[in-house]
Amino acid sequence: MPTATFLPVFRVSVQSSELAVREALKSLLSGLMPLSLDLEEAGTVEIVMAEALNNIVEHAYPDGDPKGSIDITCEHQTDGLHLTVIDQGRCMPDGRMPLGTAANVGVALNDMPEGGFGWFLIKDLAKDVSYQRIGSENWLTLRLAVAAI
């Protein structure tokens, strides 16, 4: 039986910008390479993190604040990847993350909602999703059931 390979904790930090999400995803997936994630697992990481990071860039730092940092910590544990995303942007409305309910897609194309799919995807693909405002920081924590040992 092969021995379990654990990835050391690593961090990715970017400054909020139009290219920040792309840069962060590239660094995150590069850091996960030793785990040899299959295509589906890598896709799950990429979708969940792209949605979370795009929300930060668009809503926490809506004016493209060049000083807006986004820090991601990735910890590999037996039950998957534990990710913490911290920013110093605007607080989520009412201090809570959106419910993430599925949008009604059974409507005419012109009546389709423009947004609202991101939190549904995050909550559908990730486990143990939580948000809290700590001082002047937003903390999003989640677990992805990939690379579980």
Protein backbone atom coordinates (compact mmCIF):
# COMPACT_ATOMS: atom_id res chain seq x y z
CA MET A 1 0.00 0.00 0.00
CA PRO A 2 1.49 3.39 -0.97
CA THR A 3 2.28 5.84 1.79
CA ALA A 4 0.20 8.96 2.09
CA THR A 5 1.75 12.10 0.66
CA PHE A 6 0.90 15.31 2.45
CA LEU A 7 1.48 18.65 0.88
CA PRO A 8 3.01 21.26 3.20
CA VAL A 9 0.87 24.30 4.00
CA PHE A 10 1.41 27.00 1.41
CA ARG A 11 0.19 30.52 0.79
CA VAL A 12 -0.70 32.54 -2.28
CA SER A 13 -0.98 36.33 -2.08
CA VAL A 14 -2.11 38.70 -4.82
CA GLN A 15 -3.19 42.31 -5.11
CA SER A 16 -6.78 42.77 -6.25
CA SER A 17 -6.92 43.55 -9.95
CA GLU A 18 -8.45 42.29 -13.17
CA LEU A 19 -5.63 39.76 -13.49
CA ALA A 20 -5.45 38.83 -9.79
CA VAL A 21 -7.81 35.87 -10.08
CA ARG A 22 -5.90 34.36 -13.00
CA GLU A 23 -2.58 34.87 -11.19
CA ALA A 24 -3.88 33.38 -7.93
CA LEU A 25 -5.40 30.34 -9.66
CA LYS A 26 -2.17 29.67 -11.54
CA SER A 27 -0.13 29.85 -8.32
CA LEU A 28 -2.62 27.73 -6.39
CA LEU A 29 -2.81 24.98 -9.00
CA SER A 30 0.97 25.03 -9.36
CA GLY A 31 1.32 24.57 -5.59
CA LEU A 32 -1.04 21.58 -5.75
CA MET A 33 0.92 19.79 -8.50
CA PRO A 34 2.65 17.36 -6.07
CA LEU A 35 -0.79 15.92 -5.26
CA SER A 36 -1.34 14.85 -8.90
CA LEU A 37 -4.99 15.89 -8.82
CA ASP A 38 -7.10 14.32 -11.54
CA LEU A 39 -8.90 16.55 -14.03
CA GLU A 40 -12.15 16.59 -12.03
CA GLU A 41 -10.42 17.46 -8.75
CA ALA A 42 -8.35 20.23 -10.34
CA GLY A 43 -11.51 21.55 -11.99
CA THR A 44 -13.32 21.65 -8.64
CA VAL A 45 -10.48 23.64 -7.09
CA GLU A 46 -10.39 26.02 -10.03
CA ILE A 47 -14.17 26.63 -10.19
CA VAL A 48 -14.63 27.16 -6.45
CA MET A 49 -11.62 29.42 -6.07
CA ALA A 50 -12.34 31.39 -9.26
CA GLU A 51 -15.87 32.13 -8.01
CA ALA A 52 -14.68 33.14 -4.53
CA LEU A 53 -11.84 35.30 -5.84
CA ASN A 54 -13.95 36.95 -8.53
CA ASN A 55 -16.46 37.90 -5.82
CA ILE A 56 -13.69 39.52 -3.78
CA VAL A 57 -12.34 41.49 -6.74
CA GLU A 58 -15.81 42.60 -7.82
CA HIS A 59 -17.52 43.23 -4.48
CA ALA A 60 -14.95 43.57 -1.67
CA TYR A 61 -12.69 45.80 -3.78
CA PRO A 62 -15.20 47.21 -6.29
CA ASP A 63 -13.11 50.22 -7.26
CA GLY A 64 -10.06 48.13 -8.17
CA ASP A 65 -8.23 49.19 -5.02
CA PRO A 66 -4.58 48.59 -5.97
CA LYS A 67 -3.73 48.03 -2.31
CA GLY A 68 -6.42 45.39 -1.90
CA SER A 69 -4.65 42.23 -0.89
CA ILE A 70 -6.07 38.71 -1.17
CA ASP A 71 -4.30 36.01 0.84
CA ILE A 72 -5.01 32.31 0.40
CA THR A 73 -3.75 29.59 2.72
CA CYS A 74 -3.99 26.00 1.54
CA GLU A 75 -3.62 23.14 3.99
CA HIS A 76 -3.78 19.49 2.89
CA GLN A 77 -5.41 17.21 5.45
CA THR A 78 -6.79 13.68 5.40
CA ASP A 79 -10.28 14.94 4.48
CA GLY A 80 -9.13 17.14 1.61
CA LEU A 81 -7.90 20.67 1.03
CA HIS A 82 -8.66 23.32 3.63
CA LEU A 83 -8.56 26.81 2.17
CA THR A 84 -8.73 30.14 3.93
CA VAL A 85 -9.15 33.31 1.88
CA ILE A 86 -8.59 36.64 3.62
CA ASP A 87 -9.13 40.14 2.28
CA GLN A 88 -9.47 43.60 3.80
CA GLY A 89 -12.25 44.73 1.48
CA ARG A 90 -15.86 45.58 2.12
CA CYS A 91 -17.84 43.33 4.43
CA MET A 92 -20.45 41.04 2.92
CA PRO A 93 -23.98 42.47 3.10
CA ASP A 94 -25.42 42.04 6.61
CA GLY A 95 -22.12 40.37 7.60
CA ARG A 96 -23.24 37.06 6.07
CA MET A 97 -22.40 35.16 2.93
CA PRO A 98 -25.23 34.73 0.42
CA LEU A 99 -27.47 31.68 0.71
CA GLY A 100 -26.25 30.28 -2.58
CA THR A 101 -29.55 28.91 -3.75
CA ALA A 102 -29.89 27.76 -7.33
CA ALA A 103 -31.12 30.42 -9.74
CA ASN A 104 -34.28 29.70 -11.69
CA VAL A 105 -33.09 28.76 -15.18
CA GLY A 106 -36.51 27.69 -16.40
CA VAL A 107 -37.21 31.15 -17.80
CA ALA A 108 -36.79 32.85 -21.16
CA LEU A 109 -33.19 33.69 -22.07
CA ASN A 110 -33.83 37.44 -21.67
CA ASP A 111 -35.17 36.83 -18.15
CA MET A 112 -32.15 34.82 -16.95
CA PRO A 113 -30.41 36.37 -13.95
CA GLU A 114 -27.03 37.95 -14.71
CA GLY A 115 -25.43 36.72 -11.51
CA GLY A 116 -26.15 34.53 -8.54
CA PHE A 117 -24.57 31.32 -9.79
CA GLY A 118 -21.23 31.75 -8.01
CA TRP A 119 -22.30 31.12 -4.43
CA PHE A 120 -24.45 28.21 -5.54
CA LEU A 121 -21.38 26.62 -7.20
CA ILE A 122 -19.18 27.31 -4.18
CA LYS A 123 -21.64 25.79 -1.73
CA ASP A 124 -22.44 22.87 -4.04
CA LEU A 125 -18.80 21.90 -4.70
CA ALA A 126 -17.18 22.80 -1.38
CA LYS A 127 -17.75 21.47 2.11
CA ASP A 128 -17.77 23.30 5.44
CA VAL A 129 -18.05 26.76 3.87
CA SER A 130 -18.03 29.60 6.40
CA TYR A 131 -17.56 33.36 6.43
CA GLN A 132 -16.78 35.74 9.22
CA ARG A 133 -15.66 39.32 9.57
CA ILE A 134 -12.70 39.52 11.94
CA GLY A 135 -11.77 43.12 12.66
CA SER A 136 -11.32 44.72 9.24
CA GLU A 137 -10.86 41.40 7.42
CA ASN A 138 -13.15 39.01 5.60
CA TRP A 139 -12.34 35.34 6.29
CA LEU A 140 -13.78 32.71 3.98
CA THR A 141 -12.92 29.15 4.93
CA LEU A 142 -13.85 26.04 3.04
CA ARG A 143 -12.88 22.45 2.51
CA LEU A 144 -12.67 20.78 -0.86
CA ALA A 145 -13.03 17.01 -0.74
CA VAL A 146 -10.15 16.47 -3.17
CA ALA A 147 -6.81 14.77 -2.52
CA ALA A 148 -8.36 13.12 0.53
CA ILE A 149 -6.25 10.42 2.09
